[in-house]
């Protein structure tokens, strides 16, 4: 399974979001630190789920990282998160 699909699956399972968009933005980082052939290094995630409404920004980010797990987060160089309730 591709990393993009793993991100989407884990976030859907954890949050049952109203909106979830996962974009592989690796090509725009060609030649930069962390980039590797084949992409799957840099991601943009837009996530809307009701449980985030009462969380602080830092707690939303912590919840997403916990849902992804250290194994998956360790394979990603950059993860841009747009998270709201």
PDB file of N, CA and C in Angstrom:
ATOM      1  N   UNK A   1       0.839  -1.179   0.000  1.00  0.00           N
ATOM      2  CA  UNK A   1       0.000   0.000   0.000  1.00  0.00           C
ATOM      3  C   UNK A   1       0.889   1.248   0.000  1.00  0.00           C
ATOM      4  N   UNK A   2       0.502   2.218  -0.788  1.00  0.00           N
ATOM      5  CA  UNK A   2       1.258   3.471  -0.848  1.00  0.00           C
ATOM      6  C   UNK A   2       1.058   4.273   0.443  1.00  0.00           C
ATOM      7  N   UNK A   3       2.037   5.096   0.772  1.00  0.00           N
ATOM      8  CA  UNK A   3       1.976   5.894   1.993  1.00  0.00           C
ATOM      9  C   UNK A   3       0.744   6.793   1.992  1.00  0.00           C
ATOM     10  N   UNK A   4       0.435   7.391   0.863  1.00  0.00           N
ATOM     11  CA  UNK A   4      -0.747   8.252   0.749  1.00  0.00           C
ATOM     12  C   UNK A   4      -2.013   7.493   1.146  1.00  0.00           C
ATOM     13  N   UNK A   5      -2.133   6.259   0.700  1.00  0.00           N
ATOM     14  CA  UNK A   5      -3.289   5.431   1.038  1.00  0.00           C
ATOM     15  C   UNK A   5      -3.290   5.049   2.519  1.00  0.00           C
ATOM     16  N   UNK A   6      -2.107   4.776   3.070  1.00  0.00           N
ATOM     17  CA  UNK A   6      -2.009   4.453   4.498  1.00  0.00           C
ATOM     18  C   UNK A   6      -2.450   5.627   5.354  1.00  0.00           C
ATOM     19  N   UNK A   7      -2.016   6.827   4.978  1.00  0.00           N
ATOM     20  CA  UNK A   7      -2.411   8.030   5.718  1.00  0.00           C
ATOM     21  C   UNK A   7      -3.928   8.152   5.699  1.00  0.00           C
ATOM     22  N   UNK A   8      -4.507   8.041   4.510  1.00  0.00           N
ATOM     23  CA  UNK A   8      -5.955   8.187   4.378  1.00  0.00           C
ATOM     24  C   UNK A   8      -6.701   7.125   5.190  1.00  0.00           C
ATOM     25  N   UNK A   9      -6.281   5.884   5.104  1.00  0.00           N
ATOM     26  CA  UNK A   9      -6.946   4.797   5.831  1.00  0.00           C
ATOM     27  C   UNK A   9      -6.886   5.008   7.332  1.00  0.00           C
ATOM     28  N   UNK A  10      -5.716   5.336   7.844  1.00  0.00           N
ATOM     29  CA  UNK A  10      -5.568   5.508   9.295  1.00  0.00           C
ATOM     30  C   UNK A  10      -6.369   6.700   9.814  1.00  0.00           C
ATOM     31  N   UNK A  11      -6.390   7.792   9.042  1.00  0.00           N
ATOM     32  CA  UNK A  11      -7.142   8.964   9.483  1.00  0.00           C
ATOM     33  C   UNK A  11      -8.650   8.730   9.395  1.00  0.00           C
ATOM     34  N   UNK A  12      -9.097   8.029   8.366  1.00  0.00           N
ATOM     35  CA  UNK A  12     -10.537   7.696   8.265  1.00  0.00           C
ATOM     36  C   UNK A  12     -10.966   6.797   9.433  1.00  0.00           C
ATOM     37  N   UNK A  13     -10.140   5.805   9.738  1.00  0.00           N
ATOM     38  CA  UNK A  13     -10.461   4.888  10.832  1.00  0.00           C
ATOM     39  C   UNK A  13     -10.499   5.599  12.185  1.00  0.00           C
ATOM     40  N   UNK A  14      -9.584   6.538  12.387  1.00  0.00           N
ATOM     41  CA  UNK A  14      -9.469   7.205  13.685  1.00  0.00           C
ATOM     42  C   UNK A  14     -10.503   8.306  13.896  1.00  0.00           C
ATOM     43  N   UNK A  15     -10.858   9.026  12.828  1.00  0.00           N
ATOM     44  CA  UNK A  15     -11.673  10.232  13.011  1.00  0.00           C
ATOM     45  C   UNK A  15     -13.004  10.256  12.279  1.00  0.00           C
ATOM     46  N   UNK A  16     -13.267   9.328  11.376  1.00  0.00           N
ATOM     47  CA  UNK A  16     -14.494   9.346  10.582  1.00  0.00           C
ATOM     48  C   UNK A  16     -14.772  10.771  10.090  1.00  0.00           C
ATOM     49  N   UNK A  17     -13.833  11.349   9.329  1.00  0.00           N
ATOM     50  CA  UNK A  17     -13.921  12.767   8.972  1.00  0.00           C
ATOM     51  C   UNK A  17     -15.029  13.096   7.980  1.00  0.00           C
ATOM     52  N   UNK A  18     -15.478  14.335   8.064  1.00  0.00           N
ATOM     53  CA  UNK A  18     -16.426  14.874   7.088  1.00  0.00           C
ATOM     54  C   UNK A  18     -15.699  15.211   5.795  1.00  0.00           C
ATOM     55  N   UNK A  19     -14.447  15.664   5.933  1.00  0.00           N
ATOM     56  CA  UNK A  19     -13.594  15.990   4.791  1.00  0.00           C
ATOM     57  C   UNK A  19     -12.211  15.410   5.060  1.00  0.00           C
ATOM     58  N   UNK A  20     -11.650  14.742   4.076  1.00  0.00           N
ATOM     59  CA  UNK A  20     -10.280  14.251   4.162  1.00  0.00           C
ATOM     60  C   UNK A  20      -9.664  14.291   2.765  1.00  0.00           C
ATOM     61  N   UNK A  21      -8.617  15.090   2.640  1.00  0.00           N
ATOM     62  CA  UNK A  21      -7.882  15.176   1.384  1.00  0.00           C
ATOM     63  C   UNK A  21      -6.408  14.969   1.718  1.00  0.00           C
ATOM     64  N   UNK A  22      -5.794  13.973   1.102  1.00  0.00           N
ATOM     65  CA  UNK A  22      -4.375  13.691   1.291  1.00  0.00           C
ATOM     66  C   UNK A  22      -3.699  13.854  -0.065  1.00  0.00           C
ATOM     67  N   UNK A  23      -2.757  14.793  -0.148  1.00  0.00           N
ATOM     68  CA  UNK A  23      -2.056  15.070  -1.402  1.00  0.00           C
ATOM     69  C   UNK A  23      -0.570  14.780  -1.245  1.00  0.00           C
ATOM     70  N   UNK A  24      -0.022  14.042  -2.172  1.00  0.00           N
ATOM     71  CA  UNK A  24       1.422  13.810  -2.224  1.00  0.00           C
ATOM     72  C   UNK A  24       2.041  15.004  -2.938  1.00  0.00           C
ATOM     73  N   UNK A  25       2.759  15.819  -2.198  1.00  0.00           N
ATOM     74  CA  UNK A  25       3.357  17.052  -2.725  1.00  0.00           C
ATOM     75  C   UNK A  25       4.862  16.885  -2.970  1.00  0.00           C
ATOM     76  N   UNK A  26       5.314  15.653  -3.048  1.00  0.00           N
ATOM     77  CA  UNK A  26       6.744  15.367  -3.137  1.00  0.00           C
ATOM     78  C   UNK A  26       7.402  15.962  -4.374  1.00  0.00           C
ATOM     79  N   UNK A  27       6.719  15.944  -5.512  1.00  0.00           N
ATOM     80  CA  UNK A  27       7.323  16.446  -6.749  1.00  0.00           C
ATOM     81  C   UNK A  27       7.734  17.906  -6.652  1.00  0.00           C
ATOM     82  N   UNK A  28       7.015  18.699  -5.889  1.00  0.00           N
ATOM     83  CA  UNK A  28       7.371  20.114  -5.767  1.00  0.00           C
ATOM     84  C   UNK A  28       8.588  20.325  -4.867  1.00  0.00           C
ATOM     85  N   UNK A  29       9.103  19.257  -4.268  1.00  0.00           N
ATOM     86  CA  UNK A  29      10.275  19.339  -3.393  1.00  0.00           C
ATOM     87  C   UNK A  29      11.485  18.620  -3.985  1.00  0.00           C
ATOM     88  N   UNK A  30      11.449  18.378  -5.289  1.00  0.00           N
ATOM     89  CA  UNK A  30      12.549  17.685  -5.979  1.00  0.00           C
ATOM     90  C   UNK A  30      13.879  18.362  -5.653  1.00  0.00           C
ATOM     91  N   UNK A  31      14.839  17.559  -5.235  1.00  0.00           N
ATOM     92  CA  UNK A  31      16.173  18.067  -4.935  1.00  0.00           C
ATOM     93  C   UNK A  31      16.341  18.622  -3.535  1.00  0.00           C
ATOM     94  N   UNK A  32      15.259  18.754  -2.792  1.00  0.00           N
ATOM     95  CA  UNK A  32      15.339  19.270  -1.429  1.00  0.00           C
ATOM     96  C   UNK A  32      15.622  18.139  -0.457  1.00  0.00           C
ATOM     97  N   UNK A  33      15.940  18.511   0.753  1.00  0.00           N
ATOM     98  CA  UNK A  33      16.203  17.534   1.801  1.00  0.00           C
ATOM     99  C   UNK A  33      14.998  16.623   2.000  1.00  0.00           C
ATOM    100  N   UNK A  34      15.246  15.354   2.122  1.00  0.00           N
ATOM    101  CA  UNK A  34      14.190  14.397   2.387  1.00  0.00           C
ATOM    102  C   UNK A  34      13.508  13.845   1.152  1.00  0.00           C
ATOM    103  N   UNK A  35      13.694  14.481   0.000  1.00  0.00           N
ATOM    104  CA  UNK A  35      13.070  13.996  -1.226  1.00  0.00           C
ATOM    105  C   UNK A  35      13.760  12.713  -1.646  1.00  0.00           C
ATOM    106  N   UNK A  36      12.979  11.787  -2.200  1.00  0.00           N
ATOM    107  CA  UNK A  36      13.577  10.572  -2.738  1.00  0.00           C
ATOM    108  C   UNK A  36      12.835  10.179  -4.022  1.00  0.00           C
ATOM    109  N   UNK A  37      13.499   9.430  -4.841  1.00  0.00           N
ATOM    110  CA  UNK A  37      12.921   8.956  -6.101  1.00  0.00           C
ATOM    111  C   UNK A  37      11.628   8.204  -5.816  1.00  0.00           C
ATOM    112  N   UNK A  38      10.606   8.477  -6.589  1.00  0.00           N
ATOM    113  CA  UNK A  38       9.318   7.813  -6.401  1.00  0.00           C
ATOM    114  C   UNK A  38       8.355   8.590  -5.527  1.00  0.00           C
ATOM    115  N   UNK A  39       8.827   9.685  -4.937  1.00  0.00           N
ATOM    116  CA  UNK A  39       7.943  10.528  -4.127  1.00  0.00           C
ATOM    117  C   UNK A  39       7.613   9.919  -2.786  1.00  0.00           C
ATOM    118  N   UNK A  40       6.410  10.239  -2.329  1.00  0.00           N
ATOM    119  CA  UNK A  40       5.917   9.773  -1.033  1.00  0.00           C
ATOM    120  C   UNK A  40       6.789  10.227   0.137  1.00  0.00           C
ATOM    121  N   UNK A  41       7.199  11.491   0.077  1.00  0.00           N
ATOM    122  CA  UNK A  41       8.011  12.056   1.150  1.00  0.00           C
ATOM    123  C   UNK A  41       7.360  13.282   1.784  1.00  0.00           C
ATOM    124  N   UNK A  42       6.597  14.036   1.006  1.00  0.00           N
ATOM    125  CA  UNK A  42       5.994  15.297   1.448  1.00  0.00           C
ATOM    126  C   UNK A  42       4.489  15.237   1.191  1.00  0.00           C
ATOM    127  N   UNK A  43       3.696  15.505   2.241  1.00  0.00           N
ATOM    128  CA  UNK A  43       2.248  15.396   2.112  1.00  0.00           C
ATOM    129  C   UNK A  43       1.533  16.614   2.680  1.00  0.00           C
ATOM    130  N   UNK A  44       0.402  16.942   2.061  1.00  0.00           N
ATOM    131  CA  UNK A  44      -0.517  17.963   2.559  1.00  0.00           C
ATOM    132  C   UNK A  44      -1.812  17.239   2.926  1.00  0.00           C
ATOM    133  N   UNK A  45      -2.299  17.470   4.144  1.00  0.00           N
ATOM    134  CA  UNK A  45      -3.527  16.824   4.602  1.00  0.00           C
ATOM    135  C   UNK A  45      -4.521  17.895   5.049  1.00  0.00           C
ATOM    136  N   UNK A  46      -5.730  17.815   4.505  1.00  0.00           N
ATOM    137  CA  UNK A  46      -6.847  18.637   4.960  1.00  0.00           C
ATOM    138  C   UNK A  46      -7.823  17.686   5.631  1.00  0.00           C
ATOM    139  N   UNK A  47      -8.168  17.999   6.877  1.00  0.00           N
ATOM    140  CA  UNK A  47      -8.991  17.093   7.672  1.00  0.00           C
ATOM    141  C   UNK A  47     -10.022  17.899   8.456  1.00  0.00           C
ATOM    142  N   UNK A  48     -11.293  17.506   8.302  1.00  0.00           N
ATOM    143  CA  UNK A  48     -12.381  18.135   9.043  1.00  0.00           C
ATOM    144  C   UNK A  48     -13.159  17.040   9.772  1.00  0.00           C
ATOM    145  N   UNK A  49     -13.177  17.132  11.092  1.00  0.00           N
ATOM    146  CA  UNK A  49     -13.896  16.150  11.903  1.00  0.00           C
ATOM    147  C   UNK A  49     -14.424  16.851  13.151  1.00  0.00           C
ATOM    148  N   UNK A  50     -15.632  16.525  13.562  1.00  0.00           N
ATOM    149  CA  UNK A  50     -16.257  17.209  14.701  1.00  0.00           C
ATOM    150  C   UNK A  50     -15.434  17.177  15.994  1.00  0.00           C
ATOM    151  N   UNK A  51     -14.735  16.087  16.263  1.00  0.00           N
ATOM    152  CA  UNK A  51     -14.000  15.997  17.533  1.00  0.00           C
ATOM    153  C   UNK A  51     -12.878  17.020  17.659  1.00  0.00           C
ATOM    154  N   UNK A  52     -12.468  17.635  16.562  1.00  0.00           N
ATOM    155  CA  UNK A  52     -11.413  18.639  16.622  1.00  0.00           C
ATOM    156  C   UNK A  52     -11.927  20.002  17.088  1.00  0.00           C
ATOM    157  N   UNK A  53     -13.245  20.190  17.105  1.00  0.00           N
ATOM    158  CA  UNK A  53     -13.830  21.493  17.437  1.00  0.00           C
ATOM    159  C   UNK A  53     -13.420  21.983  18.825  1.00  0.00           C
ATOM    160  N   UNK A  54     -13.258  21.080  19.764  1.00  0.00           N
ATOM    161  CA  UNK A  54     -12.930  21.479  21.136  1.00  0.00           C
ATOM    162  C   UNK A  54     -11.448  21.344  21.468  1.00  0.00           C
ATOM    163  N   UNK A  55     -10.650  20.935  20.493  1.00  0.00           N
ATOM    164  CA  UNK A  55      -9.216  20.722  20.739  1.00  0.00           C
ATOM    165  C   UNK A  55      -8.401  21.951  20.351  1.00  0.00           C
ATOM    166  N   UNK A  56      -7.314  22.147  21.076  1.00  0.00           N
ATOM    167  CA  UNK A  56      -6.361  23.186  20.685  1.00  0.00           C
ATOM    168  C   UNK A  56      -5.619  22.719  19.435  1.00  0.00           C
ATOM    169  N   UNK A  57      -4.965  23.639  18.792  1.00  0.00           N
ATOM    170  CA  UNK A  57      -4.210  23.311  17.580  1.00  0.00           C
ATOM    171  C   UNK A  57      -3.173  22.222  17.861  1.00  0.00           C
ATOM    172  N   UNK A  58      -2.445  22.355  18.937  1.00  0.00           N
ATOM    173  CA  UNK A  58      -1.401  21.378  19.248  1.00  0.00           C
ATOM    174  C   UNK A  58      -2.006  20.010  19.548  1.00  0.00           C
ATOM    175  N   UNK A  59      -3.147  19.976  20.218  1.00  0.00           N
ATOM    176  CA  UNK A  59      -3.793  18.687  20.506  1.00  0.00           C
ATOM    177  C   UNK A  59      -4.353  18.035  19.247  1.00  0.00           C
ATOM    178  N   UNK A  60      -4.819  18.837  18.292  1.00  0.00           N
ATOM    179  CA  UNK A  60      -5.257  18.278  17.009  1.00  0.00           C
ATOM    180  C   UNK A  60      -4.083  17.617  16.300  1.00  0.00           C
ATOM    181  N   UNK A  61      -2.941  18.296  16.276  1.00  0.00           N
ATOM    182  CA  UNK A  61      -1.746  17.739  15.625  1.00  0.00           C
ATOM    183  C   UNK A  61      -1.279  16.475  16.339  1.00  0.00           C
ATOM    184  N   UNK A  62      -1.291  16.495  17.655  1.00  0.00           N
ATOM    185  CA  UNK A  62      -0.901  15.303  18.416  1.00  0.00           C
ATOM    186  C   UNK A  62      -1.822  14.127  18.123  1.00  0.00           C
ATOM    187  N   UNK A  63      -3.126  14.395  18.019  1.00  0.00           N
ATOM    188  CA  UNK A  63      -4.094  13.333  17.737  1.00  0.00           C
ATOM    189  C   UNK A  63      -3.853  12.725  16.357  1.00  0.00           C
ATOM    190  N   UNK A  64      -3.551  13.563  15.379  1.00  0.00           N
ATOM    191  CA  UNK A  64      -3.275  13.055  14.030  1.00  0.00           C
ATOM    192  C   UNK A  64      -2.004  12.221  14.025  1.00  0.00           C
ATOM    193  N   UNK A  65      -0.954  12.712  14.657  1.00  0.00           N
ATOM    194  CA  UNK A  65       0.296  11.946  14.703  1.00  0.00           C
ATOM    195  C   UNK A  65       0.106  10.622  15.432  1.00  0.00           C
ATOM    196  N   UNK A  66      -0.679  10.619  16.503  1.00  0.00           N
ATOM    197  CA  UNK A  66      -0.951   9.371  17.226  1.00  0.00           C
ATOM    198  C   UNK A  66      -1.727   8.396  16.339  1.00  0.00           C
ATOM    199  N   UNK A  67      -2.695   8.910  15.581  1.00  0.00           N
ATOM    200  CA  UNK A  67      -3.485   8.052  14.692  1.00  0.00           C
ATOM    201  C   UNK A  67      -2.627   7.453  13.581  1.00  0.00           C
ATOM    202  N   UNK A  68      -1.684   8.233  13.091  1.00  0.00           N
ATOM    203  CA  UNK A  68      -0.800   7.724  12.034  1.00  0.00           C
ATOM    204  C   UNK A  68       0.187   6.704  12.574  1.00  0.00           C
ATOM    205  N   UNK A  69       0.647   6.903  13.793  1.00  0.00           N
ATOM    206  CA  UNK A  69       1.589   5.984  14.418  1.00  0.00           C
ATOM    207  C   UNK A  69       3.022   6.281  14.048  1.00  0.00           C
ATOM    208  N   UNK A  70       3.943   5.940  14.943  1.00  0.00           N
ATOM    209  CA  UNK A  70       5.359   6.249  14.717  1.00  0.00           C
ATOM    210  C   UNK A  70       5.951   5.544  13.502  1.00  0.00           C
ATOM    211  N   UNK A  71       5.440   4.367  13.160  1.00  0.00           N
ATOM    212  CA  UNK A  71       5.972   3.647  12.002  1.00  0.00           C
ATOM    213  C   UNK A  71       5.719   4.421  10.710  1.00  0.00           C
ATOM    214  N   UNK A  72       4.513   4.969  10.573  1.00  0.00           N
ATOM    215  CA  UNK A  72       4.185   5.719   9.356  1.00  0.00           C
ATOM    216  C   UNK A  72       4.805   7.108   9.378  1.00  0.00           C
ATOM    217  N   UNK A  73       4.726   7.791  10.499  1.00  0.00           N
ATOM    218  CA  UNK A  73       5.309   9.130  10.607  1.00  0.00           C
ATOM    219  C   UNK A  73       6.809   9.084  10.320  1.00  0.00           C
ATOM    220  N   UNK A  74       7.467   8.004  10.722  1.00  0.00           N
ATOM    221  CA  UNK A  74       8.902   7.861  10.488  1.00  0.00           C
ATOM    222  C   UNK A  74       9.286   7.724   9.027  1.00  0.00           C
ATOM    223  N   UNK A  75       8.334   7.385   8.174  1.00  0.00           N
ATOM    224  CA  UNK A  75       8.612   7.253   6.730  1.00  0.00           C
ATOM    225  C   UNK A  75       8.279   8.516   5.938  1.00  0.00           C
ATOM    226  N   UNK A  76       7.764   9.526   6.631  1.00  0.00           N
ATOM    227  CA  UNK A  76       7.367  10.782   5.988  1.00  0.00           C
ATOM    228  C   UNK A  76       8.384  11.859   6.344  1.00  0.00           C
ATOM    229  N   UNK A  77       8.830  12.618   5.341  1.00  0.00           N
ATOM    230  CA  UNK A  77       9.758  13.712   5.618  1.00  0.00           C
ATOM    231  C   UNK A  77       9.020  14.973   6.084  1.00  0.00           C
ATOM    232  N   UNK A  78       7.891  15.291   5.421  1.00  0.00           N
ATOM    233  CA  UNK A  78       7.151  16.507   5.756  1.00  0.00           C
ATOM    234  C   UNK A  78       5.642  16.237   5.671  1.00  0.00           C
ATOM    235  N   UNK A  79       4.932  16.747   6.666  1.00  0.00           N
ATOM    236  CA  UNK A  79       3.486  16.554   6.733  1.00  0.00           C
ATOM    237  C   UNK A  79       2.843  17.890   7.114  1.00  0.00           C
ATOM    238  N   UNK A  80       2.207  18.532   6.138  1.00  0.00           N
ATOM    239  CA  UNK A  80       1.507  19.797   6.381  1.00  0.00           C
ATOM    240  C   UNK A  80       0.058  19.475   6.712  1.00  0.00           C
ATOM    241  N   UNK A  81      -0.413  19.969   7.863  1.00  0.00           N
ATOM    242  CA  UNK A  81      -1.752  19.628   8.336  1.00  0.00           C
ATOM    243  C   UNK A  81      -2.645  20.857   8.413  1.00  0.00           C
ATOM    244  N   UNK A  82      -3.824  20.756   7.820  1.00  0.00           N
ATOM    245  CA  UNK A  82      -4.887  21.755   7.934  1.00  0.00           C
ATOM    246  C   UNK A  82      -6.049  21.011   8.585  1.00  0.00           C
ATOM    247  N   UNK A  83      -6.184  21.173   9.916  1.00  0.00           N
ATOM    248  CA  UNK A  83      -7.130  20.379  10.703  1.00  0.00           C
ATOM    249  C   UNK A  83      -8.109  21.326  11.407  1.00  0.00           C
ATOM    250  N   UNK A  84      -9.391  21.027  11.251  1.00  0.00           N
ATOM    251  CA  UNK A  84     -10.421  21.826  11.920  1.00  0.00           C
ATOM    252  C   UNK A  84     -11.604  20.956  12.291  1.00  0.00           C
ATOM    253  N   UNK A  85     -12.386  21.455  13.232  1.00  0.00           N
ATOM    254  CA  UNK A  85     -13.588  20.755  13.656  1.00  0.00           C
ATOM    255  C   UNK A  85     -14.777  21.123  12.818  1.00  0.00           C
TER     256      UNK A  85
END
